[in-house]
Amino acid sequence: MKVTGPTGPTSSSSSRAGKSAGGFALPSTGAAAPAGPAAQTASTSGVADISALMALQGVEDATERRRRAIRRGGGLLDRLDELKLALLSGESGAPAVERLSRAVREERPLDAEPGLSAVLDQIDLRAAVELAKIEFARSRA
């Protein structure tokens, strides 16, 4: 059986001259036919097939968007906890503030469920309030 590119496998009953048993052999250059329109079309369709596969990989479904939204919300809650622990222990909390600020700036998935979106709105609001309080305290000092 011989695979000839994007058209799929074809069975070949004839054997090529110079082919060793079970080995790899390049076709002889003297027997090669010039590339015609059919060969050019086959190579173009191969590129189109690859670009279609790449486009499909870029499409994300609802479960992936939901998973990313939950992961972002959990990350924000973790950063808020880090900030709380830093402030309660008497540290400056500057690294925790920076991580929280970075997490807030992350892109939020748009098509989340209404209930999940409401919870994420509350988490974003809490993080924004904490950042505003810290900024206000810095400006007064």
N, C-alpha and C. Protein backbone atom coordinates (compact mmCIF):
# COMPACT_ATOMS: atom_id res chain seq x y z
N MET A 1 0.85 -1.17 0.00
CA MET A 1 0.00 0.00 0.00
C MET A 1 0.89 1.23 0.00
N LYS A 2 0.50 2.22 -0.75
CA LYS A 2 1.30 3.42 -0.90
C LYS A 2 0.45 4.64 -0.53
N VAL A 3 0.96 5.52 0.29
CA VAL A 3 0.27 6.74 0.66
C VAL A 3 0.80 7.84 -0.24
N THR A 4 -0.12 8.53 -0.92
CA THR A 4 0.30 9.55 -1.88
C THR A 4 -0.22 10.92 -1.50
N GLY A 5 -0.01 11.35 -0.30
CA GLY A 5 -0.39 12.69 0.10
C GLY A 5 -1.80 12.77 0.64
N PRO A 6 -2.48 13.89 0.42
CA PRO A 6 -3.78 14.12 1.04
C PRO A 6 -4.92 13.29 0.45
N THR A 7 -4.69 12.62 -0.68
CA THR A 7 -5.76 11.84 -1.29
C THR A 7 -5.95 10.49 -0.61
N GLY A 8 -5.00 10.06 0.19
CA GLY A 8 -5.15 8.82 0.94
C GLY A 8 -4.33 7.69 0.36
N PRO A 9 -4.49 6.48 0.92
CA PRO A 9 -3.68 5.35 0.47
C PRO A 9 -4.21 4.78 -0.85
N THR A 10 -3.27 4.33 -1.66
CA THR A 10 -3.62 3.61 -2.89
C THR A 10 -2.79 2.36 -2.95
N SER A 11 -3.35 1.30 -3.49
CA SER A 11 -2.57 0.07 -3.59
C SER A 11 -1.83 0.07 -4.91
N SER A 12 -0.61 -0.38 -4.87
CA SER A 12 0.24 -0.40 -6.05
C SER A 12 0.72 -1.82 -6.25
N SER A 13 0.42 -2.38 -7.42
CA SER A 13 0.85 -3.75 -7.70
C SER A 13 2.19 -3.77 -8.39
N SER A 14 2.58 -2.66 -9.00
CA SER A 14 3.87 -2.65 -9.68
C SER A 14 4.95 -2.24 -8.70
N SER A 15 6.11 -2.78 -8.89
CA SER A 15 7.23 -2.42 -8.02
C SER A 15 8.18 -1.52 -8.80
N ARG A 16 8.87 -0.68 -8.09
CA ARG A 16 9.80 0.24 -8.74
C ARG A 16 11.15 -0.43 -8.92
N ALA A 17 11.83 -0.05 -9.95
CA ALA A 17 13.17 -0.56 -10.19
C ALA A 17 14.12 0.09 -9.21
N GLY A 18 15.03 -0.69 -8.66
CA GLY A 18 16.01 -0.15 -7.74
C GLY A 18 15.52 -0.14 -6.30
N LYS A 19 14.36 -0.69 -6.02
CA LYS A 19 13.85 -0.70 -4.65
C LYS A 19 14.31 -1.97 -3.97
N SER A 20 14.97 -1.82 -2.85
CA SER A 20 15.42 -2.99 -2.12
C SER A 20 14.28 -3.53 -1.29
N ALA A 21 14.35 -4.76 -0.93
CA ALA A 21 13.27 -5.41 -0.18
C ALA A 21 13.15 -4.78 1.20
N GLY A 22 12.01 -4.15 1.47
CA GLY A 22 11.74 -3.59 2.78
C GLY A 22 12.49 -2.31 3.09
N GLY A 23 13.22 -1.77 2.14
CA GLY A 23 14.01 -0.58 2.40
C GLY A 23 13.38 0.67 1.82
N PHE A 24 14.07 1.76 1.98
CA PHE A 24 13.61 3.04 1.47
C PHE A 24 14.42 3.38 0.24
N ALA A 25 13.73 3.81 -0.82
CA ALA A 25 14.44 4.20 -2.03
C ALA A 25 13.78 5.43 -2.61
N LEU A 26 14.59 6.36 -3.06
CA LEU A 26 14.07 7.55 -3.72
C LEU A 26 13.77 7.22 -5.17
N PRO A 27 12.75 7.81 -5.76
CA PRO A 27 12.48 7.55 -7.17
C PRO A 27 13.61 8.10 -8.02
N SER A 28 13.87 7.45 -9.11
CA SER A 28 14.96 7.89 -9.98
C SER A 28 14.57 9.20 -10.64
N THR A 29 15.53 10.07 -10.82
CA THR A 29 15.24 11.39 -11.37
C THR A 29 14.93 11.34 -12.85
N GLY A 30 15.43 10.33 -13.56
CA GLY A 30 15.18 10.22 -14.99
C GLY A 30 13.74 9.85 -15.28
N ALA A 31 13.08 9.10 -14.39
CA ALA A 31 11.72 8.65 -14.63
C ALA A 31 10.68 9.64 -14.10
N ALA A 32 11.13 10.70 -13.44
CA ALA A 32 10.18 11.65 -12.85
C ALA A 32 9.52 12.47 -13.95
N ALA A 33 8.21 12.55 -13.87
CA ALA A 33 7.46 13.35 -14.83
C ALA A 33 7.42 14.79 -14.33
N PRO A 34 7.36 15.75 -15.23
CA PRO A 34 7.28 17.14 -14.79
C PRO A 34 6.00 17.38 -14.01
N ALA A 35 6.08 18.25 -13.03
CA ALA A 35 4.92 18.54 -12.19
C ALA A 35 3.89 19.30 -13.00
N GLY A 36 2.72 18.74 -13.07
CA GLY A 36 1.65 19.37 -13.85
C GLY A 36 0.66 20.04 -12.93
N PRO A 37 -0.47 20.47 -13.46
CA PRO A 37 -1.48 21.13 -12.65
C PRO A 37 -2.03 20.24 -11.55
N ALA A 38 -2.09 18.93 -11.78
CA ALA A 38 -2.63 18.03 -10.75
C ALA A 38 -1.73 18.02 -9.52
N ALA A 39 -0.42 18.01 -9.72
CA ALA A 39 0.51 18.01 -8.59
C ALA A 39 0.45 19.33 -7.84
N GLN A 40 0.29 20.43 -8.54
CA GLN A 40 0.19 21.72 -7.89
C GLN A 40 -1.10 21.82 -7.07
N THR A 41 -2.20 21.29 -7.59
CA THR A 41 -3.46 21.31 -6.87
C THR A 41 -3.39 20.46 -5.62
N ALA A 42 -2.75 19.31 -5.70
CA ALA A 42 -2.65 18.44 -4.53
C ALA A 42 -1.87 19.12 -3.41
N SER A 43 -0.80 19.82 -3.75
CA SER A 43 -0.04 20.49 -2.70
C SER A 43 -0.83 21.65 -2.09
N THR A 44 -1.62 22.33 -2.88
CA THR A 44 -2.43 23.43 -2.36
C THR A 44 -3.53 22.92 -1.45
N SER A 45 -4.15 21.81 -1.82
CA SER A 45 -5.21 21.27 -0.97
C SER A 45 -4.65 20.75 0.34
N GLY A 46 -3.41 20.28 0.34
CA GLY A 46 -2.77 19.85 1.58
C GLY A 46 -2.60 21.01 2.54
N VAL A 47 -2.24 22.17 2.01
CA VAL A 47 -2.09 23.36 2.85
C VAL A 47 -3.45 23.80 3.37
N ALA A 48 -4.47 23.72 2.54
CA ALA A 48 -5.81 24.10 2.97
C ALA A 48 -6.30 23.17 4.07
N ASP A 49 -5.99 21.87 3.96
CA ASP A 49 -6.39 20.93 5.00
C ASP A 49 -5.72 21.26 6.33
N ILE A 50 -4.46 21.62 6.29
CA ILE A 50 -3.73 21.94 7.51
C ILE A 50 -4.28 23.21 8.13
N SER A 51 -4.59 24.21 7.30
CA SER A 51 -5.12 25.46 7.87
C SER A 51 -6.51 25.24 8.47
N ALA A 52 -7.29 24.34 7.88
CA ALA A 52 -8.60 24.03 8.46
C ALA A 52 -8.45 23.36 9.81
N LEU A 53 -7.48 22.46 9.93
CA LEU A 53 -7.22 21.80 11.22
C LEU A 53 -6.75 22.80 12.26
N MET A 54 -5.90 23.72 11.85
CA MET A 54 -5.42 24.74 12.79
C MET A 54 -6.58 25.63 13.25
N ALA A 55 -7.50 25.96 12.33
CA ALA A 55 -8.64 26.79 12.71
C ALA A 55 -9.54 26.05 13.69
N LEU A 56 -9.72 24.75 13.50
CA LEU A 56 -10.54 23.97 14.42
C LEU A 56 -9.92 23.89 15.80
N GLN A 57 -8.61 23.83 15.86
CA GLN A 57 -7.95 23.77 17.16
C GLN A 57 -8.10 25.09 17.92
N GLY A 58 -8.27 26.20 17.21
CA GLY A 58 -8.42 27.49 17.85
C GLY A 58 -9.82 27.72 18.40
N VAL A 59 -10.78 26.94 17.97
CA VAL A 59 -12.16 27.11 18.43
C VAL A 59 -12.29 26.45 19.79
N GLU A 60 -12.84 27.19 20.74
CA GLU A 60 -12.99 26.63 22.07
C GLU A 60 -14.47 26.47 22.38
N ASP A 61 -14.81 25.38 22.99
CA ASP A 61 -16.21 25.10 23.28
C ASP A 61 -16.63 25.71 24.62
N ALA A 62 -17.91 25.57 24.94
CA ALA A 62 -18.46 26.19 26.15
C ALA A 62 -17.83 25.63 27.42
N THR A 63 -17.53 24.34 27.43
CA THR A 63 -16.95 23.76 28.64
C THR A 63 -15.54 24.30 28.88
N GLU A 64 -14.80 24.53 27.81
CA GLU A 64 -13.44 25.08 27.98
C GLU A 64 -13.52 26.53 28.48
N ARG A 65 -14.45 27.31 27.94
CA ARG A 65 -14.62 28.69 28.42
C ARG A 65 -15.03 28.70 29.89
N ARG A 66 -15.92 27.80 30.28
CA ARG A 66 -16.36 27.71 31.67
C ARG A 66 -15.19 27.32 32.58
N ARG A 67 -14.40 26.38 32.12
CA ARG A 67 -13.24 25.92 32.89
C ARG A 67 -12.24 27.06 33.07
N ARG A 68 -12.01 27.84 32.01
CA ARG A 68 -11.08 28.97 32.12
C ARG A 68 -11.63 30.04 33.06
N ALA A 69 -12.94 30.29 33.00
CA ALA A 69 -13.55 31.29 33.87
C ALA A 69 -13.44 30.87 35.34
N ILE A 70 -13.69 29.60 35.61
CA ILE A 70 -13.58 29.10 36.99
C ILE A 70 -12.14 29.17 37.47
N ARG A 71 -11.19 28.83 36.60
CA ARG A 71 -9.77 28.88 36.96
C ARG A 71 -9.35 30.32 37.26
N ARG A 72 -9.84 31.28 36.47
CA ARG A 72 -9.51 32.69 36.70
C ARG A 72 -10.10 33.17 38.02
N GLY A 73 -11.37 32.82 38.29
CA GLY A 73 -12.00 33.22 39.55
C GLY A 73 -11.29 32.63 40.75
N GLY A 74 -10.92 31.36 40.65
CA GLY A 74 -10.18 30.72 41.75
C GLY A 74 -8.83 31.36 41.97
N GLY A 75 -8.17 31.74 40.87
CA GLY A 75 -6.87 32.43 40.98
C GLY A 75 -7.00 33.78 41.66
N LEU A 76 -8.07 34.51 41.33
CA LEU A 76 -8.29 35.80 41.99
C LEU A 76 -8.54 35.63 43.49
N LEU A 77 -9.33 34.62 43.84
CA LEU A 77 -9.58 34.35 45.26
C LEU A 77 -8.30 33.98 45.98
N ASP A 78 -7.44 33.21 45.32
CA ASP A 78 -6.14 32.85 45.92
C ASP A 78 -5.28 34.09 46.14
N ARG A 79 -5.25 35.00 45.16
CA ARG A 79 -4.46 36.23 45.30
C ARG A 79 -5.02 37.11 46.42
N LEU A 80 -6.35 37.16 46.56
CA LEU A 80 -6.95 37.92 47.66
C LEU A 80 -6.58 37.32 49.02
N ASP A 81 -6.55 36.00 49.10
CA ASP A 81 -6.12 35.35 50.35
C ASP A 81 -4.67 35.65 50.66
N GLU A 82 -3.81 35.64 49.63
CA GLU A 82 -2.39 35.98 49.85
C GLU A 82 -2.25 37.39 50.40
N LEU A 83 -3.02 38.31 49.83
CA LEU A 83 -2.97 39.69 50.29
C LEU A 83 -3.45 39.80 51.74
N LYS A 84 -4.52 39.11 52.05
CA LYS A 84 -5.06 39.13 53.42
C LYS A 84 -4.03 38.59 54.41
N LEU A 85 -3.40 37.48 54.09
CA LEU A 85 -2.40 36.90 54.98
C LEU A 85 -1.19 37.81 55.13
N ALA A 86 -0.78 38.44 54.04
CA ALA A 86 0.36 39.35 54.11
C ALA A 86 0.04 40.55 55.01
N LEU A 87 -1.15 41.10 54.87
CA LEU A 87 -1.51 42.26 55.68
C LEU A 87 -1.71 41.89 57.15
N LEU A 88 -2.28 40.72 57.42
CA LEU A 88 -2.48 40.29 58.81
C LEU A 88 -1.16 39.95 59.50
N SER A 89 -0.16 39.53 58.74
CA SER A 89 1.13 39.20 59.34
C SER A 89 2.01 40.43 59.49
N GLY A 90 1.55 41.59 59.04
CA GLY A 90 2.31 42.82 59.20
C GLY A 90 3.28 43.11 58.07
N GLU A 91 3.26 42.32 57.02
CA GLU A 91 4.16 42.55 55.88
C GLU A 91 3.59 43.67 55.02
N SER A 92 4.41 44.16 54.12
CA SER A 92 3.96 45.25 53.24
C SER A 92 2.92 44.74 52.24
N GLY A 93 3.04 43.53 51.81
CA GLY A 93 2.08 42.96 50.87
C GLY A 93 2.29 43.40 49.44
N ALA A 94 3.40 44.07 49.15
CA ALA A 94 3.65 44.57 47.79
C ALA A 94 3.69 43.44 46.75
N PRO A 95 4.35 42.32 47.02
CA PRO A 95 4.32 41.25 46.02
C PRO A 95 2.92 40.68 45.81
N ALA A 96 2.16 40.57 46.89
CA ALA A 96 0.79 40.05 46.77
C ALA A 96 -0.10 41.03 46.01
N VAL A 97 0.13 42.33 46.22
CA VAL A 97 -0.64 43.34 45.50
C VAL A 97 -0.32 43.26 44.00
N GLU A 98 0.94 43.09 43.68
CA GLU A 98 1.34 42.99 42.27
C GLU A 98 0.71 41.77 41.61
N ARG A 99 0.72 40.63 42.31
CA ARG A 99 0.11 39.41 41.75
C ARG A 99 -1.40 39.58 41.58
N LEU A 100 -2.05 40.23 42.55
CA LEU A 100 -3.49 40.48 42.45
C LEU A 100 -3.79 41.41 41.27
N SER A 101 -3.00 42.44 41.12
CA SER A 101 -3.19 43.38 40.03
C SER A 101 -3.02 42.69 38.68
N ARG A 102 -2.02 41.83 38.57
CA ARG A 102 -1.79 41.07 37.34
C ARG A 102 -2.96 40.13 37.06
N ALA A 103 -3.49 39.50 38.09
CA ALA A 103 -4.61 38.56 37.91
C ALA A 103 -5.88 39.29 37.48
N VAL A 104 -6.08 40.49 37.98
CA VAL A 104 -7.27 41.27 37.60
C VAL A 104 -7.19 41.66 36.13
N ARG A 105 -5.99 41.95 35.65
CA ARG A 105 -5.82 42.37 34.26
C ARG A 105 -5.94 41.23 33.26
N GLU A 106 -5.93 39.98 33.73
CA GLU A 106 -6.07 38.85 32.81
C GLU A 106 -7.40 38.92 32.09
N GLU A 107 -7.41 38.41 30.86
CA GLU A 107 -8.63 38.42 30.07
C GLU A 107 -9.66 37.48 30.67
N ARG A 108 -10.87 37.95 30.73
CA ARG A 108 -11.96 37.16 31.29
C ARG A 108 -12.77 36.54 30.15
N PRO A 109 -13.06 35.24 30.21
CA PRO A 109 -13.89 34.61 29.18
C PRO A 109 -15.27 35.26 29.12
N LEU A 110 -15.78 35.50 27.92
CA LEU A 110 -17.01 36.26 27.76
C LEU A 110 -18.28 35.45 27.91
N ASP A 111 -18.36 34.30 27.31
CA ASP A 111 -19.62 33.55 27.25
C ASP A 111 -19.82 32.61 28.44
N ALA A 112 -19.66 33.11 29.63
CA ALA A 112 -19.87 32.27 30.81
C ALA A 112 -21.37 32.17 31.10
N GLU A 113 -21.75 31.19 31.88
CA GLU A 113 -23.14 31.03 32.29
C GLU A 113 -23.56 32.24 33.11
N PRO A 114 -24.85 32.57 33.14
CA PRO A 114 -25.29 33.75 33.90
C PRO A 114 -24.93 33.67 35.39
N GLY A 115 -25.13 32.54 36.02
CA GLY A 115 -24.80 32.40 37.44
C GLY A 115 -23.31 32.50 37.68
N LEU A 116 -22.52 31.86 36.83
CA LEU A 116 -21.07 31.92 36.95
C LEU A 116 -20.58 33.33 36.68
N SER A 117 -21.17 33.99 35.72
CA SER A 117 -20.79 35.36 35.40
C SER A 117 -21.06 36.29 36.58
N ALA A 118 -22.17 36.08 37.29
CA ALA A 118 -22.49 36.91 38.47
C ALA A 118 -21.46 36.70 39.57
N VAL A 119 -21.06 35.47 39.80
CA VAL A 119 -20.05 35.19 40.83
C VAL A 119 -18.71 35.81 40.44
N LEU A 120 -18.34 35.68 39.16
CA LEU A 120 -17.08 36.27 38.70
C LEU A 120 -17.11 37.80 38.80
N ASP A 121 -18.28 38.40 38.56
CA ASP A 121 -18.42 39.85 38.73
C ASP A 121 -18.16 40.25 40.18
N GLN A 122 -18.67 39.47 41.12
CA GLN A 122 -18.46 39.78 42.53
C GLN A 122 -16.99 39.63 42.93
N ILE A 123 -16.35 38.60 42.39
CA ILE A 123 -14.92 38.40 42.69
C ILE A 123 -14.10 39.54 42.11
N ASP A 124 -14.40 39.93 40.86
CA ASP A 124 -13.69 41.05 40.24
C ASP A 124 -13.89 42.34 41.03
N LEU A 125 -15.12 42.57 41.48
CA LEU A 125 -15.41 43.77 42.27
C LEU A 125 -14.63 43.79 43.58
N ARG A 126 -14.58 42.65 44.26
CA ARG A 126 -13.84 42.56 45.53
C ARG A 126 -12.36 42.85 45.30
N ALA A 127 -11.80 42.29 44.23
CA ALA A 127 -10.38 42.52 43.92
C ALA A 127 -10.15 43.99 43.57
N ALA A 128 -11.05 44.58 42.80
CA ALA A 128 -10.90 46.00 42.44
C ALA A 128 -11.00 46.89 43.67
N VAL A 129 -11.88 46.57 44.60
CA VAL A 129 -12.02 47.35 45.84
C VAL A 129 -10.74 47.27 46.66
N GLU A 130 -10.18 46.08 46.79
CA GLU A 130 -8.93 45.92 47.56
C GLU A 130 -7.80 46.70 46.93
N LEU A 131 -7.70 46.64 45.59
CA LEU A 131 -6.65 47.39 44.91
C LEU A 131 -6.86 48.89 45.07
N ALA A 132 -8.11 49.36 45.02
CA ALA A 132 -8.40 50.78 45.20
C ALA A 132 -8.06 51.24 46.62
N LYS A 133 -8.35 50.40 47.61
CA LYS A 133 -8.03 50.75 49.00
C LYS A 133 -6.52 50.88 49.18
N ILE A 134 -5.78 49.98 48.60
CA ILE A 134 -4.31 50.03 48.72
C ILE A 134 -3.76 51.25 48.00
N GLU A 135 -4.30 51.55 46.81
CA GLU A 135 -3.86 52.72 46.06
C GLU A 135 -4.17 54.00 46.83
N PHE A 136 -5.35 54.05 47.45
CA PHE A 136 -5.74 55.22 48.24
C PHE A 136 -4.79 55.39 49.45
N ALA A 137 -4.48 54.29 50.11
CA ALA A 137 -3.57 54.35 51.26
C ALA A 137 -2.18 54.79 50.84
N ARG A 138 -1.74 54.36 49.68
CA ARG A 138 -0.41 54.78 49.18
C ARG A 138 -0.40 56.27 48.84
N SER A 139 -1.49 56.75 48.28
CA SER A 139 -1.53 58.18 47.88
C SER A 139 -1.58 59.11 49.10
N ARG A 140 -2.13 58.63 50.21
CA ARG A 140 -2.21 59.44 51.43
C ARG A 140 -0.88 59.45 52.17
N ALA A 141 -0.08 58.44 51.95
CA ALA A 141 1.19 58.33 52.70
C ALA A 141 2.29 59.20 52.13
